[in-house]
Amino acid sequence: MDNVMEFLPFLIPLAIAQFALLGYTLYHILTHSNYKRGNRTLWLVIAIIGMEFIGPILYFLIGREE
């Protein structure tokens, strides 16, 4: 239990950043209709399943159309 308490100050900001990035990604997916690759449903699934930074980062790198 003490080990978890030692890492808690590092884990809380990471969790906040993860959920903020996921929230922004979901907002962007739902408010835009054009994507470089795939469609809205595909990117929603990727962003939610790959929630731990990977899904949102993939969307912004290869899915989002400027």
C-alpha atoms as a PDB file:
ATOM      1  CA  MET A   1       0.000   0.000   0.000  1.00  0.00           C
ATOM      2  CA  ASP A   2       2.874   2.373   0.736  1.00  0.00           C
ATOM      3  CA  ASN A   3       4.264   1.871  -2.773  1.00  0.00           C
ATOM      4  CA  VAL A   4       1.011   3.097  -4.316  1.00  0.00           C
ATOM      5  CA  MET A   5       1.021   6.160  -2.096  1.00  0.00           C
ATOM      6  CA  GLU A   6       4.559   7.002  -3.248  1.00  0.00           C
ATOM      7  CA  PHE A   7       3.520   7.034  -6.913  1.00  0.00           C
ATOM      8  CA  LEU A   8       0.166   8.759  -6.403  1.00  0.00           C
ATOM      9  CA  PRO A   9       1.547  12.289  -6.979  1.00  0.00           C
ATOM     10  CA  PHE A  10       2.779  11.124 -10.413  1.00  0.00           C
ATOM     11  CA  LEU A  11      -0.271   9.047 -11.329  1.00  0.00           C
ATOM     12  CA  ILE A  12      -2.914  11.709 -10.678  1.00  0.00           C
ATOM     13  CA  PRO A  13      -1.559  14.235 -13.234  1.00  0.00           C
ATOM     14  CA  LEU A  14      -1.115  11.419 -15.778  1.00  0.00           C
ATOM     15  CA  ALA A  15      -4.722  10.308 -15.304  1.00  0.00           C
ATOM     16  CA  ILE A  16      -5.953  13.896 -15.638  1.00  0.00           C
ATOM     17  CA  ALA A  17      -3.918  14.387 -18.839  1.00  0.00           C
ATOM     18  CA  GLN A  18      -5.182  11.076 -20.230  1.00  0.00           C
ATOM     19  CA  PHE A  19      -8.849  11.930 -19.668  1.00  0.00           C
ATOM     20  CA  ALA A  20      -8.388  15.499 -20.934  1.00  0.00           C
ATOM     21  CA  LEU A  21      -6.806  14.211 -24.151  1.00  0.00           C
ATOM     22  CA  LEU A  22      -9.554  11.602 -24.556  1.00  0.00           C
ATOM     23  CA  GLY A  23     -12.241  14.230 -23.952  1.00  0.00           C
ATOM     24  CA  TYR A  24     -10.781  16.605 -26.520  1.00  0.00           C
ATOM     25  CA  THR A  25     -10.367  13.771 -29.012  1.00  0.00           C
ATOM     26  CA  LEU A  26     -13.981  12.644 -28.611  1.00  0.00           C
ATOM     27  CA  TYR A  27     -15.175  16.241 -28.954  1.00  0.00           C
ATOM     28  CA  HIS A  28     -13.150  16.670 -32.141  1.00  0.00           C
ATOM     29  CA  ILE A  29     -14.363  13.382 -33.629  1.00  0.00           C
ATOM     30  CA  LEU A  30     -18.007  14.176 -32.896  1.00  0.00           C
ATOM     31  CA  THR A  31     -17.876  17.741 -34.254  1.00  0.00           C
ATOM     32  CA  HIS A  32     -16.049  16.998 -37.512  1.00  0.00           C
ATOM     33  CA  SER A  33     -17.250  14.856 -40.371  1.00  0.00           C
ATOM     34  CA  ASN A  34     -14.174  14.594 -42.617  1.00  0.00           C
ATOM     35  CA  TYR A  35     -11.272  12.280 -41.834  1.00  0.00           C
ATOM     36  CA  LYS A  36      -8.105  11.372 -43.750  1.00  0.00           C
ATOM     37  CA  ARG A  37      -8.704   7.672 -43.162  1.00  0.00           C
ATOM     38  CA  GLY A  38     -11.721   5.826 -41.840  1.00  0.00           C
ATOM     39  CA  ASN A  39     -14.997   7.209 -40.563  1.00  0.00           C
ATOM     40  CA  ARG A  40     -16.463   8.565 -37.342  1.00  0.00           C
ATOM     41  CA  THR A  41     -17.391   5.152 -35.930  1.00  0.00           C
ATOM     42  CA  LEU A  42     -13.929   3.728 -36.549  1.00  0.00           C
ATOM     43  CA  TRP A  43     -12.210   6.644 -34.827  1.00  0.00           C
ATOM     44  CA  LEU A  44     -14.602   6.557 -31.865  1.00  0.00           C
ATOM     45  CA  VAL A  45     -13.811   2.878 -31.345  1.00  0.00           C
ATOM     46  CA  ILE A  46     -10.058   3.444 -31.689  1.00  0.00           C
ATOM     47  CA  ALA A  47     -10.079   6.434 -29.335  1.00  0.00           C
ATOM     48  CA  ILE A  48     -12.141   4.688 -26.654  1.00  0.00           C
ATOM     49  CA  ILE A  49     -10.472   1.261 -26.802  1.00  0.00           C
ATOM     50  CA  GLY A  50      -7.000   2.748 -27.162  1.00  0.00           C
ATOM     51  CA  MET A  51      -7.812   5.213 -24.402  1.00  0.00           C
ATOM     52  CA  GLU A  52      -4.387   5.165 -22.800  1.00  0.00           C
ATOM     53  CA  PHE A  53      -2.944   7.934 -24.990  1.00  0.00           C
ATOM     54  CA  ILE A  54      -2.491   5.671 -28.016  1.00  0.00           C
ATOM     55  CA  GLY A  55      -5.983   5.979 -29.532  1.00  0.00           C
ATOM     56  CA  PRO A  56      -6.218   9.774 -29.270  1.00  0.00           C
ATOM     57  CA  ILE A  57      -2.666  10.260 -30.523  1.00  0.00           C
ATOM     58  CA  LEU A  58      -3.311   7.982 -33.519  1.00  0.00           C
ATOM     59  CA  TYR A  59      -6.400  10.005 -34.370  1.00  0.00           C
ATOM     60  CA  PHE A  60      -4.529  13.316 -34.327  1.00  0.00           C
ATOM     61  CA  LEU A  61      -1.604  11.895 -36.321  1.00  0.00           C
ATOM     62  CA  ILE A  62      -3.343   9.908 -39.051  1.00  0.00           C
ATOM     63  CA  GLY A  63      -7.093  10.408 -38.832  1.00  0.00           C
ATOM     64  CA  ARG A  64      -7.742  14.099 -38.441  1.00  0.00           C
ATOM     65  CA  GLU A  65      -8.195  16.167 -41.561  1.00  0.00           C
ATOM     66  CA  GLU A  66      -7.122  19.801 -41.336  1.00  0.00           C
END
